[in-house]
Amino acid sequence: MTAATDRAPLRLPGDLVIWLLILAELLTFGIFFLTYAFKRIGQVALFNSSQATLDLHSGCINTLLLISSSWAVARSVNSVRRNRTTSATRWLSLALTCGAGFLVLKSLEYLAKLRAGIDVSTNDFYLFYFMLTGFHFLHVVVGMVILSILWFFTRRGQYGRDNCHALETGAAFWHLVDLLWIILFPLVYVMR
């Protein structure tokens, strides 16, 4: 037997349907990002002045929270593949905690804007800000529901080396949520 035949065949982790959903979500957000970019070109001064009112520190912390959460989800999948259920459950708990931190911090940011009288009707920048970050916020909520269900079943020991397909599927969605924020954060908060 050769080394080439000893290797396991390459496969896409998770369910094919989630990858089709991920592709659709990337296309949807891509259209939003392009629309934002074109609108920004026509109103550079407005977008720059409005963007300067965003809390960059909050955005940075949220970025760290989501990257940490994705890392924890990856560690959880790795733990399940090694039949380490307790470790996998802890990693998922950390991912959920980071995701919850993101939601709380983002909610506080929204609340501060609303209290300042800023909403979707303020100007085009804030329309995009609330639309893009709000749509992403909903993805985080859905991802948190998925991770919570996976945490429950992982804790019960229902996943293992030979049965981690559902966990891989949920992880793929969560990594999408992280990827979208990694694009969204510099686009909306940083780039001038």
N, C-alpha and C. Protein backbone atom coordinates (compact mmCIF):
# COMPACT_ATOMS: atom_id res chain seq x y z
N MET A 1 0.84 -1.18 0.00
CA MET A 1 0.00 0.00 0.00
C MET A 1 0.88 1.24 0.00
N THR A 2 0.56 2.21 -0.81
CA THR A 2 1.36 3.44 -0.90
C THR A 2 0.86 4.48 0.07
N ALA A 3 1.67 5.51 0.26
CA ALA A 3 1.28 6.59 1.18
C ALA A 3 0.03 7.30 0.70
N ALA A 4 -0.14 7.39 -0.61
CA ALA A 4 -1.31 8.07 -1.17
C ALA A 4 -2.60 7.34 -0.85
N THR A 5 -2.56 6.01 -0.81
CA THR A 5 -3.78 5.25 -0.53
C THR A 5 -4.03 5.12 0.96
N ASP A 6 -3.01 5.38 1.80
CA ASP A 6 -3.19 5.32 3.25
C ASP A 6 -3.94 6.52 3.79
N ARG A 7 -3.88 7.62 3.09
CA ARG A 7 -4.53 8.85 3.56
C ARG A 7 -6.05 8.75 3.41
N ALA A 8 -6.72 9.35 4.39
CA ALA A 8 -8.19 9.42 4.30
C ALA A 8 -8.55 10.39 3.17
N PRO A 9 -9.62 10.11 2.47
CA PRO A 9 -10.02 11.02 1.39
C PRO A 9 -10.39 12.39 1.95
N LEU A 10 -10.07 13.44 1.20
CA LEU A 10 -10.43 14.78 1.62
C LEU A 10 -11.95 14.94 1.53
N ARG A 11 -12.50 15.61 2.51
CA ARG A 11 -13.94 15.86 2.51
C ARG A 11 -14.20 17.23 3.10
N LEU A 12 -15.30 17.79 2.71
CA LEU A 12 -15.74 19.07 3.22
C LEU A 12 -16.38 18.83 4.58
N PRO A 13 -15.86 19.44 5.66
CA PRO A 13 -16.47 19.20 6.97
C PRO A 13 -17.88 19.78 7.04
N GLY A 14 -18.76 19.06 7.67
CA GLY A 14 -20.13 19.54 7.81
C GLY A 14 -20.99 19.10 6.64
N ASP A 15 -22.19 19.58 6.66
CA ASP A 15 -23.19 19.20 5.68
C ASP A 15 -23.10 20.08 4.43
N LEU A 16 -23.34 19.50 3.28
CA LEU A 16 -23.30 20.24 2.02
C LEU A 16 -24.31 21.40 2.03
N VAL A 17 -25.45 21.18 2.64
CA VAL A 17 -26.48 22.24 2.69
C VAL A 17 -25.96 23.48 3.41
N ILE A 18 -25.20 23.30 4.47
CA ILE A 18 -24.68 24.48 5.19
C ILE A 18 -23.69 25.23 4.31
N TRP A 19 -22.94 24.50 3.49
CA TRP A 19 -22.00 25.17 2.59
C TRP A 19 -22.73 25.95 1.51
N LEU A 20 -23.86 25.44 1.06
CA LEU A 20 -24.67 26.18 0.10
C LEU A 20 -25.25 27.43 0.76
N LEU A 21 -25.69 27.30 2.01
CA LEU A 21 -26.19 28.45 2.77
C LEU A 21 -25.07 29.47 2.97
N ILE A 22 -23.88 29.00 3.31
CA ILE A 22 -22.74 29.89 3.50
C ILE A 22 -22.44 30.65 2.21
N LEU A 23 -22.46 29.95 1.09
CA LEU A 23 -22.23 30.60 -0.20
C LEU A 23 -23.29 31.67 -0.46
N ALA A 24 -24.55 31.35 -0.20
CA ALA A 24 -25.64 32.31 -0.39
C ALA A 24 -25.46 33.53 0.53
N GLU A 25 -25.08 33.29 1.77
CA GLU A 25 -24.87 34.39 2.72
C GLU A 25 -23.69 35.26 2.29
N LEU A 26 -22.62 34.64 1.83
CA LEU A 26 -21.47 35.41 1.36
C LEU A 26 -21.85 36.28 0.16
N LEU A 27 -22.65 35.72 -0.74
CA LEU A 27 -23.11 36.51 -1.89
C LEU A 27 -24.00 37.67 -1.46
N THR A 28 -24.89 37.40 -0.52
CA THR A 28 -25.78 38.45 -0.01
C THR A 28 -24.98 39.57 0.65
N PHE A 29 -24.09 39.19 1.56
CA PHE A 29 -23.28 40.21 2.22
C PHE A 29 -22.36 40.91 1.22
N GLY A 30 -21.86 40.16 0.23
CA GLY A 30 -21.03 40.77 -0.81
C GLY A 30 -21.75 41.87 -1.54
N ILE A 31 -23.01 41.64 -1.86
CA ILE A 31 -23.83 42.67 -2.51
C ILE A 31 -24.00 43.87 -1.59
N PHE A 32 -24.27 43.61 -0.31
CA PHE A 32 -24.39 44.71 0.66
C PHE A 32 -23.08 45.50 0.75
N PHE A 33 -21.96 44.79 0.82
CA PHE A 33 -20.66 45.45 0.94
C PHE A 33 -20.36 46.31 -0.29
N LEU A 34 -20.66 45.79 -1.46
CA LEU A 34 -20.43 46.56 -2.69
C LEU A 34 -21.34 47.79 -2.76
N THR A 35 -22.58 47.62 -2.37
CA THR A 35 -23.51 48.75 -2.35
C THR A 35 -23.03 49.82 -1.39
N TYR A 36 -22.57 49.40 -0.22
CA TYR A 36 -22.01 50.32 0.76
C TYR A 36 -20.82 51.07 0.16
N ALA A 37 -19.91 50.33 -0.49
CA ALA A 37 -18.71 50.94 -1.05
C ALA A 37 -19.06 51.98 -2.13
N PHE A 38 -20.00 51.64 -3.01
CA PHE A 38 -20.40 52.59 -4.05
C PHE A 38 -21.09 53.83 -3.47
N LYS A 39 -21.92 53.62 -2.47
CA LYS A 39 -22.60 54.75 -1.82
C LYS A 39 -21.58 55.64 -1.12
N ARG A 40 -20.58 55.01 -0.51
CA ARG A 40 -19.53 55.74 0.19
C ARG A 40 -18.74 56.63 -0.77
N ILE A 41 -18.46 56.13 -1.97
CA ILE A 41 -17.70 56.89 -2.97
C ILE A 41 -18.41 58.21 -3.28
N GLY A 42 -19.72 58.20 -3.30
CA GLY A 42 -20.49 59.41 -3.60
C GLY A 42 -20.66 60.36 -2.43
N GLN A 43 -20.35 59.88 -1.20
CA GLN A 43 -20.57 60.72 -0.01
C GLN A 43 -19.42 60.54 0.98
N VAL A 44 -18.22 60.70 0.52
CA VAL A 44 -17.03 60.43 1.33
C VAL A 44 -17.02 61.24 2.63
N ALA A 45 -17.25 62.52 2.54
CA ALA A 45 -17.20 63.38 3.74
C ALA A 45 -18.26 62.96 4.77
N LEU A 46 -19.47 62.71 4.30
CA LEU A 46 -20.54 62.27 5.20
C LEU A 46 -20.19 60.94 5.87
N PHE A 47 -19.72 59.99 5.08
CA PHE A 47 -19.39 58.68 5.63
C PHE A 47 -18.23 58.79 6.62
N ASN A 48 -17.21 59.60 6.29
CA ASN A 48 -16.08 59.75 7.20
C ASN A 48 -16.49 60.40 8.53
N SER A 49 -17.30 61.45 8.45
CA SER A 49 -17.71 62.13 9.69
C SER A 49 -18.62 61.25 10.53
N SER A 50 -19.50 60.52 9.89
CA SER A 50 -20.39 59.61 10.63
C SER A 50 -19.61 58.44 11.20
N GLN A 51 -18.69 57.93 10.42
CA GLN A 51 -17.87 56.80 10.85
C GLN A 51 -17.04 57.18 12.08
N ALA A 52 -16.61 58.42 12.15
CA ALA A 52 -15.80 58.89 13.27
C ALA A 52 -16.57 58.84 14.59
N THR A 53 -17.90 58.76 14.55
CA THR A 53 -18.69 58.70 15.77
C THR A 53 -18.83 57.28 16.32
N LEU A 54 -18.38 56.29 15.56
CA LEU A 54 -18.48 54.90 16.03
C LEU A 54 -17.43 54.63 17.09
N ASP A 55 -17.73 53.71 17.96
CA ASP A 55 -16.83 53.33 19.04
C ASP A 55 -15.86 52.26 18.53
N LEU A 56 -14.68 52.72 18.12
CA LEU A 56 -13.67 51.81 17.57
C LEU A 56 -13.22 50.77 18.59
N HIS A 57 -13.12 51.18 19.85
CA HIS A 57 -12.70 50.24 20.90
C HIS A 57 -13.71 49.09 21.03
N SER A 58 -14.98 49.44 21.01
CA SER A 58 -16.03 48.43 21.08
C SER A 58 -15.94 47.47 19.89
N GLY A 59 -15.72 48.04 18.70
CA GLY A 59 -15.58 47.22 17.50
C GLY A 59 -14.38 46.28 17.59
N CYS A 60 -13.27 46.78 18.14
CA CYS A 60 -12.07 45.94 18.31
C CYS A 60 -12.33 44.81 19.31
N ILE A 61 -12.96 45.14 20.41
CA ILE A 61 -13.27 44.11 21.41
C ILE A 61 -14.20 43.07 20.80
N ASN A 62 -15.20 43.52 20.06
CA ASN A 62 -16.11 42.57 19.41
C ASN A 62 -15.37 41.68 18.42
N THR A 63 -14.40 42.23 17.72
CA THR A 63 -13.60 41.44 16.79
C THR A 63 -12.84 40.36 17.56
N LEU A 64 -12.22 40.75 18.65
CA LEU A 64 -11.48 39.77 19.47
C LEU A 64 -12.42 38.71 20.05
N LEU A 65 -13.61 39.12 20.45
CA LEU A 65 -14.57 38.16 20.99
C LEU A 65 -14.97 37.12 19.94
N LEU A 66 -15.25 37.58 18.71
CA LEU A 66 -15.66 36.63 17.68
C LEU A 66 -14.52 35.74 17.21
N ILE A 67 -13.32 36.29 17.09
CA ILE A 67 -12.17 35.46 16.71
C ILE A 67 -11.90 34.43 17.80
N SER A 68 -11.97 34.84 19.05
CA SER A 68 -11.78 33.90 20.17
C SER A 68 -12.86 32.83 20.16
N SER A 69 -14.07 33.25 19.88
CA SER A 69 -15.18 32.30 19.84
C SER A 69 -14.99 31.27 18.72
N SER A 70 -14.55 31.72 17.56
CA SER A 70 -14.31 30.79 16.46
C SER A 70 -13.19 29.82 16.80
N TRP A 71 -12.16 30.34 17.46
CA TRP A 71 -11.06 29.48 17.89
C TRP A 71 -11.57 28.43 18.87
N ALA A 72 -12.42 28.83 19.79
CA ALA A 72 -12.98 27.89 20.78
C ALA A 72 -13.84 26.83 20.09
N VAL A 73 -14.61 27.22 19.09
CA VAL A 73 -15.43 26.25 18.35
C VAL A 73 -14.52 25.25 17.63
N ALA A 74 -13.45 25.74 17.02
CA ALA A 74 -12.50 24.83 16.35
C ALA A 74 -11.87 23.87 17.35
N ARG A 75 -11.54 24.37 18.53
CA ARG A 75 -10.97 23.51 19.59
C ARG A 75 -12.00 22.47 20.04
N SER A 76 -13.26 22.86 20.08
CA SER A 76 -14.31 21.92 20.47
C SER A 76 -14.42 20.78 19.46
N VAL A 77 -14.42 21.12 18.18
CA VAL A 77 -14.49 20.08 17.15
C VAL A 77 -13.28 19.16 17.26
N ASN A 78 -12.11 19.74 17.47
CA ASN A 78 -10.90 18.94 17.64
C ASN A 78 -11.00 18.02 18.85
N SER A 79 -11.56 18.52 19.93
CA SER A 79 -11.73 17.71 21.14
C SER A 79 -12.69 16.55 20.90
N VAL A 80 -13.78 16.80 20.20
CA VAL A 80 -14.73 15.73 19.90
C VAL A 80 -14.08 14.66 19.03
N ARG A 81 -13.29 15.09 18.07
CA ARG A 81 -12.59 14.13 17.21
C ARG A 81 -11.63 13.26 18.01
N ARG A 82 -11.24 13.69 19.18
CA ARG A 82 -10.36 12.92 20.07
C ARG A 82 -11.14 12.27 21.21
N ASN A 83 -12.47 12.29 21.09
CA ASN A 83 -13.37 11.72 22.10
C ASN A 83 -13.18 12.35 23.48
N ARG A 84 -12.93 13.64 23.51
CA ARG A 84 -12.78 14.38 24.77
C ARG A 84 -14.01 15.27 24.96
N THR A 85 -15.10 14.64 25.36
CA THR A 85 -16.39 15.32 25.46
C THR A 85 -16.37 16.47 26.46
N THR A 86 -15.78 16.26 27.62
CA THR A 86 -15.75 17.31 28.65
C THR A 86 -15.01 18.53 28.13
N SER A 87 -13.89 18.30 27.49
CA SER A 87 -13.12 19.41 26.93
C SER A 87 -13.91 20.11 25.83
N ALA A 88 -14.57 19.34 24.98
CA ALA A 88 -15.37 19.92 23.89
C ALA A 88 -16.49 20.80 24.45
N THR A 89 -17.12 20.33 25.53
CA THR A 89 -18.20 21.11 26.15
C THR A 89 -17.67 22.42 26.71
N ARG A 90 -16.49 22.37 27.32
CA ARG A 90 -15.89 23.60 27.86
C ARG A 90 -15.57 24.60 26.75
N TRP A 91 -15.02 24.09 25.65
CA TRP A 91 -14.70 24.97 24.52
C TRP A 91 -15.97 25.61 23.96
N LEU A 92 -17.03 24.83 23.86
CA LEU A 92 -18.30 25.39 23.37
C LEU A 92 -18.84 26.43 24.36
N SER A 93 -18.66 26.18 25.65
CA SER A 93 -19.08 27.16 26.66
C SER A 93 -18.33 28.48 26.49
N LEU A 94 -17.03 28.38 26.22
CA LEU A 94 -16.24 29.59 25.98
C LEU A 94 -16.73 30.30 24.72
N ALA A 95 -17.01 29.54 23.67
CA ALA A 95 -17.51 30.14 22.42
C ALA A 95 -18.83 30.87 22.67
N LEU A 96 -19.72 30.24 23.43
CA LEU A 96 -21.01 30.86 23.75
C LEU A 96 -20.83 32.12 24.60
N THR A 97 -19.91 32.08 25.53
CA THR A 97 -19.64 33.24 26.37
C THR A 97 -19.12 34.41 25.53
N CYS A 98 -18.19 34.12 24.63
CA CYS A 98 -17.68 35.17 23.74
C CYS A 98 -18.78 35.70 22.83
N GLY A 99 -19.60 34.82 22.29
CA GLY A 99 -20.71 35.25 21.45
C GLY A 99 -21.69 36.12 22.22
N ALA A 100 -21.98 35.74 23.45
CA ALA A 100 -22.88 36.54 24.29
C ALA A 100 -22.26 37.90 24.58
N GLY A 101 -20.95 37.92 24.82
CA GLY A 101 -20.25 39.19 25.04
C GLY A 101 -20.38 40.10 23.84
N PHE A 102 -20.26 39.52 22.64
CA PHE A 102 -20.44 40.29 21.41
C PHE A 102 -21.83 40.91 21.37
N LEU A 103 -22.85 40.10 21.63
CA LEU A 103 -24.24 40.59 21.56
C LEU A 103 -24.50 41.70 22.58
N VAL A 104 -23.97 41.55 23.78
CA VAL A 104 -24.16 42.57 24.81
C VAL A 104 -23.48 43.87 24.40
N LEU A 105 -22.23 43.77 23.98
CA LEU A 105 -21.48 44.96 23.61
C LEU A 105 -22.10 45.66 22.40
N LYS A 106 -22.53 44.89 21.42
CA LYS A 106 -23.17 45.48 20.23
C LYS A 106 -24.50 46.13 20.61
N SER A 107 -25.26 45.49 21.50
CA SER A 107 -26.53 46.07 21.96
C SER A 107 -26.30 47.39 22.67
N LEU A 108 -25.26 47.46 23.50
CA LEU A 108 -24.93 48.72 24.18
C LEU A 108 -24.55 49.80 23.17
N GLU A 109 -23.84 49.40 22.13
CA GLU A 109 -23.47 50.35 21.08
C GLU A 109 -24.72 50.88 20.36
N TYR A 110 -25.63 49.98 20.03
CA TYR A 110 -26.90 50.41 19.41
C TYR A 110 -27.66 51.35 20.33
N LEU A 111 -27.75 50.98 21.59
CA LEU A 111 -28.49 51.79 22.57
C LEU A 111 -27.90 53.20 22.67
N ALA A 112 -26.57 53.29 22.68
CA ALA A 112 -25.93 54.61 22.75
C ALA A 112 -26.27 55.45 21.52
N LYS A 113 -26.28 54.83 20.36
CA LYS A 113 -26.63 55.57 19.13
C LYS A 113 -28.09 56.03 19.19
N LEU A 114 -28.99 55.14 19.58
CA LEU A 114 -30.41 55.49 19.64
C LEU A 114 -30.66 56.59 20.66
N ARG A 115 -29.99 56.53 21.81
CA ARG A 115 -30.14 57.58 22.82
C ARG A 115 -29.63 58.93 22.33
N ALA A 116 -28.64 58.88 21.42
CA ALA A 116 -28.10 60.12 20.84
C ALA A 116 -28.97 60.63 19.69
N GLY A 117 -30.08 59.93 19.43
CA GLY A 117 -30.98 60.35 18.37
C GLY A 117 -30.56 59.88 16.98
N ILE A 118 -29.65 58.93 16.94
CA ILE A 118 -29.15 58.42 15.66
C ILE A 118 -29.86 57.11 15.35
N ASP A 119 -30.44 57.05 14.15
CA ASP A 119 -31.10 55.82 13.70
C ASP A 119 -30.93 55.68 12.19
N VAL A 120 -31.68 54.77 11.58
CA VAL A 120 -31.52 54.51 10.14
C VAL A 120 -31.89 55.71 9.28
N SER A 121 -32.67 56.63 9.80
CA SER A 121 -33.08 57.80 9.01
C SER A 121 -32.12 58.98 9.14
N THR A 122 -31.08 58.85 9.96
CA THR A 122 -30.14 59.95 10.18
C THR A 122 -29.41 60.33 8.90
N ASN A 123 -28.82 59.37 8.24
CA ASN A 123 -28.15 59.57 6.95
C ASN A 123 -27.85 58.21 6.32
N ASP A 124 -27.27 58.24 5.12
CA ASP A 124 -27.00 56.99 4.41
C ASP A 124 -26.00 56.10 5.15
N PHE A 125 -24.99 56.73 5.78
CA PHE A 125 -24.01 55.92 6.51
C PHE A 125 -24.71 55.12 7.60
N TYR A 126 -25.54 55.78 8.40
CA TYR A 126 -26.19 55.08 9.50
C TYR A 126 -27.23 54.08 9.02
N LEU A 127 -27.82 54.33 7.88
CA LEU A 127 -28.70 53.32 7.28
C LEU A 127 -27.90 52.04 7.05
N PHE A 128 -26.73 52.18 6.41
CA PHE A 128 -25.89 51.01 6.16
C PHE A 128 -25.33 50.43 7.45
N TYR A 129 -24.92 51.28 8.37
CA TYR A 129 -24.39 50.81 9.65
C TYR A 129 -25.40 49.91 10.36
N PHE A 130 -26.61 50.40 10.52
CA PHE A 130 -27.62 49.60 11.22
C PHE A 130 -28.04 48.38 10.41
N MET A 131 -28.12 48.52 9.10
CA MET A 131 -28.53 47.40 8.26
C MET A 131 -27.46 46.29 8.27
N LEU A 132 -26.21 46.65 8.00
CA LEU A 132 -25.15 45.65 7.93
C LEU A 132 -24.87 45.01 9.29
N THR A 133 -24.69 45.85 10.31
CA THR A 133 -24.37 45.28 11.62
C THR A 133 -25.59 44.59 12.23
N GLY A 134 -26.78 45.08 11.92
CA GLY A 134 -28.00 44.43 12.42
C GLY A 134 -28.21 43.07 11.79
N PHE A 135 -27.98 42.97 10.48
CA PHE A 135 -28.09 41.68 9.80
C PHE A 135 -27.06 40.70 10.33
N HIS A 136 -25.86 41.20 10.58
CA HIS A 136 -24.82 40.36 11.18
C HIS A 136 -25.22 39.94 12.60
N PHE A 137 -25.78 40.89 13.36
CA PHE A 137 -26.24 40.62 14.72
C PHE A 137 -27.22 39.43 14.72
N LEU A 138 -28.15 39.43 13.76
CA LEU A 138 -29.10 38.31 13.65
C LEU A 138 -28.39 37.00 13.36
N HIS A 139 -27.33 37.04 12.57
CA HIS A 139 -26.55 35.84 12.29
C HIS A 139 -25.87 35.33 13.56
N VAL A 140 -25.40 36.26 14.38
CA VAL A 140 -24.79 35.86 15.65
C VAL A 140 -25.84 35.18 16.54
N VAL A 141 -27.03 35.74 16.60
CA VAL A 141 -28.10 35.14 17.40
C VAL A 141 -28.40 33.72 16.91
N VAL A 142 -28.56 33.56 15.60
CA VAL A 142 -28.82 32.22 15.04
C VAL A 142 -27.65 31.28 15.37
N GLY A 143 -26.44 31.78 15.20
CA GLY A 143 -25.27 30.97 15.53
C GLY A 143 -25.23 30.56 16.99
N MET A 144 -25.64 31.47 17.86
CA MET A 144 -25.68 31.15 19.30
C MET A 144 -26.71 30.07 19.59
N VAL A 145 -27.83 30.11 18.92
CA VAL A 145 -28.85 29.05 19.09
C VAL A 145 -28.26 27.72 18.64
N ILE A 146 -27.61 27.71 17.49
CA ILE A 146 -26.99 26.48 16.98
C ILE A 146 -25.94 25.97 17.96
N LEU A 147 -25.05 26.87 18.43
CA LEU A 147 -24.02 26.45 19.37
C LEU A 147 -24.61 25.95 20.68
N SER A 148 -25.70 26.54 21.13
CA SER A 148 -26.36 26.08 22.36
C SER A 148 -26.90 24.65 22.21
N ILE A 149 -27.50 24.39 21.07
CA ILE A 149 -28.01 23.03 20.80
C ILE A 149 -26.84 22.05 20.73
N LEU A 150 -25.77 22.44 20.05
CA LEU A 150 -24.59 21.57 19.95
C LEU A 150 -23.96 21.36 21.33
N TRP A 151 -23.93 22.41 22.15
CA TRP A 151 -23.39 22.28 23.51
C TRP A 151 -24.19 21.23 24.29
N PHE A 152 -25.52 21.31 24.18
CA PHE A 152 -26.39 20.38 24.89
C PHE A 152 -26.09 18.93 24.48
N PHE A 153 -26.02 18.68 23.19
CA PHE A 153 -25.78 17.31 22.73
C PHE A 153 -24.34 16.86 22.98
N THR A 154 -23.41 17.79 22.91
CA THR A 154 -22.01 17.45 23.22
C THR A 154 -21.89 17.07 24.69
N ARG A 155 -22.53 17.82 25.53
CA ARG A 155 -22.50 17.55 26.98
C ARG A 155 -23.08 16.17 27.29
N ARG A 156 -24.08 15.77 26.52
CA ARG A 156 -24.69 14.46 26.72
C ARG A 156 -23.87 13.33 26.10
N GLY A 157 -22.75 13.69 25.46
CA GLY A 157 -21.86 12.68 24.90
C GLY A 157 -22.33 12.09 23.58
N GLN A 158 -23.16 12.82 22.85
CA GLN A 158 -23.71 12.27 21.61
C GLN A 158 -22.78 12.42 20.42
N TYR A 159 -21.67 13.15 20.59
CA TYR A 159 -20.71 13.28 19.50
C TYR A 159 -19.40 12.63 19.89
N GLY A 160 -18.71 12.12 18.92
CA GLY A 160 -17.42 11.49 19.15
C GLY A 160 -16.63 11.43 17.86
N ARG A 161 -15.51 10.72 17.93
CA ARG A 161 -14.60 10.62 16.79
C ARG A 161 -15.32 10.25 15.49
N ASP A 162 -16.24 9.32 15.58
CA ASP A 162 -16.93 8.84 14.38
C ASP A 162 -18.27 9.53 14.15
N ASN A 163 -18.61 10.49 15.00
CA ASN A 163 -19.90 11.15 14.88
C ASN A 163 -19.78 12.63 15.28
N CYS A 164 -19.14 13.41 14.42
CA CYS A 164 -19.02 14.85 14.73
C CYS A 164 -19.52 15.70 13.57
N HIS A 165 -20.29 15.09 12.69
CA HIS A 165 -20.80 15.78 11.50
C HIS A 165 -21.64 17.00 11.87
N ALA A 166 -22.55 16.86 12.83
CA ALA A 166 -23.41 17.98 13.24
C ALA A 166 -22.57 19.10 13.84
N LEU A 167 -21.59 18.74 14.64
CA LEU A 167 -20.73 19.75 15.26
C LEU A 167 -19.92 20.48 14.18
N GLU A 168 -19.41 19.76 13.21
CA GLU A 168 -18.68 20.39 12.10
C GLU A 168 -19.58 21.34 11.32
N THR A 169 -20.82 20.94 11.13
CA THR A 169 -21.78 21.78 10.40
C THR A 169 -22.04 23.08 11.14
N GLY A 170 -22.29 22.98 12.44
CA GLY A 170 -22.50 24.18 13.26
C GLY A 170 -21.26 25.06 13.30
N ALA A 171 -20.09 24.42 13.37
CA ALA A 171 -18.83 25.17 13.39
C ALA A 171 -18.64 25.94 12.08
N ALA A 172 -19.00 25.33 10.97
CA ALA A 172 -18.86 26.00 9.67
C ALA A 172 -19.72 27.27 9.65
N PHE A 173 -20.95 27.19 10.17
CA PHE A 173 -21.80 28.38 10.21
C PHE A 173 -21.20 29.44 11.12
N TRP A 174 -20.68 29.01 12.28
CA TRP A 174 -20.12 29.97 13.21
C TRP A 174 -18.90 30.67 12.62
N HIS A 175 -18.09 29.93 11.87
CA HIS A 175 -16.93 30.54 11.23
C HIS A 175 -17.36 31.55 10.17
N LEU A 176 -18.51 31.32 9.52
CA LEU A 176 -19.06 32.30 8.59
C LEU A 176 -19.36 33.60 9.34
N VAL A 177 -20.00 33.48 10.48
CA VAL A 177 -20.34 34.66 11.30
C VAL A 177 -19.07 35.45 11.62
N ASP A 178 -18.03 34.74 12.00
CA ASP A 178 -16.75 35.38 12.31
C ASP A 178 -16.15 36.04 11.07
N LEU A 179 -16.13 35.33 9.95
CA LEU A 179 -15.58 35.86 8.71
C LEU A 179 -16.30 37.14 8.28
N LEU A 180 -17.62 37.12 8.38
CA LEU A 180 -18.39 38.31 7.98
C LEU A 180 -18.01 39.52 8.83
N TRP A 181 -17.82 39.32 10.14
CA TRP A 181 -17.44 40.44 10.99
C TRP A 181 -16.02 40.92 10.67
N ILE A 182 -15.13 40.00 10.33
CA ILE A 182 -13.75 40.37 9.99
C ILE A 182 -13.74 41.28 8.75
N ILE A 183 -14.69 41.11 7.86
CA ILE A 183 -14.82 42.00 6.70
C ILE A 183 -15.60 43.26 7.08
N LEU A 184 -16.67 43.08 7.83
CA LEU A 184 -17.56 44.18 8.19
C LEU A 184 -16.88 45.22 9.08
N PHE A 185 -16.13 44.77 10.06
CA PHE A 185 -15.50 45.69 11.01
C PHE A 185 -14.59 46.71 10.32
N PRO A 186 -13.61 46.29 9.53
CA PRO A 186 -12.78 47.32 8.89
C PRO A 186 -13.55 48.16 7.87
N LEU A 187 -14.48 47.55 7.18
CA LEU A 187 -15.24 48.27 6.17
C LEU A 187 -16.05 49.40 6.78
N VAL A 188 -16.74 49.13 7.87
CA VAL A 188 -17.64 50.12 8.46
C VAL A 188 -16.95 50.98 9.53
N TYR A 189 -16.04 50.39 10.30
CA TYR A 189 -15.45 51.11 11.42
C TYR A 189 -14.10 51.78 11.12
N VAL A 190 -13.31 51.20 10.22
CA VAL A 190 -11.90 51.61 10.12
C VAL A 190 -11.57 52.34 8.81
N MET A 191 -11.92 51.76 7.67
CA MET A 191 -11.50 52.29 6.38
C MET A 191 -12.07 53.68 6.12
N ARG A 192 -11.21 54.59 5.77
CA ARG A 192 -11.62 55.96 5.49
C ARG A 192 -11.22 56.34 4.08
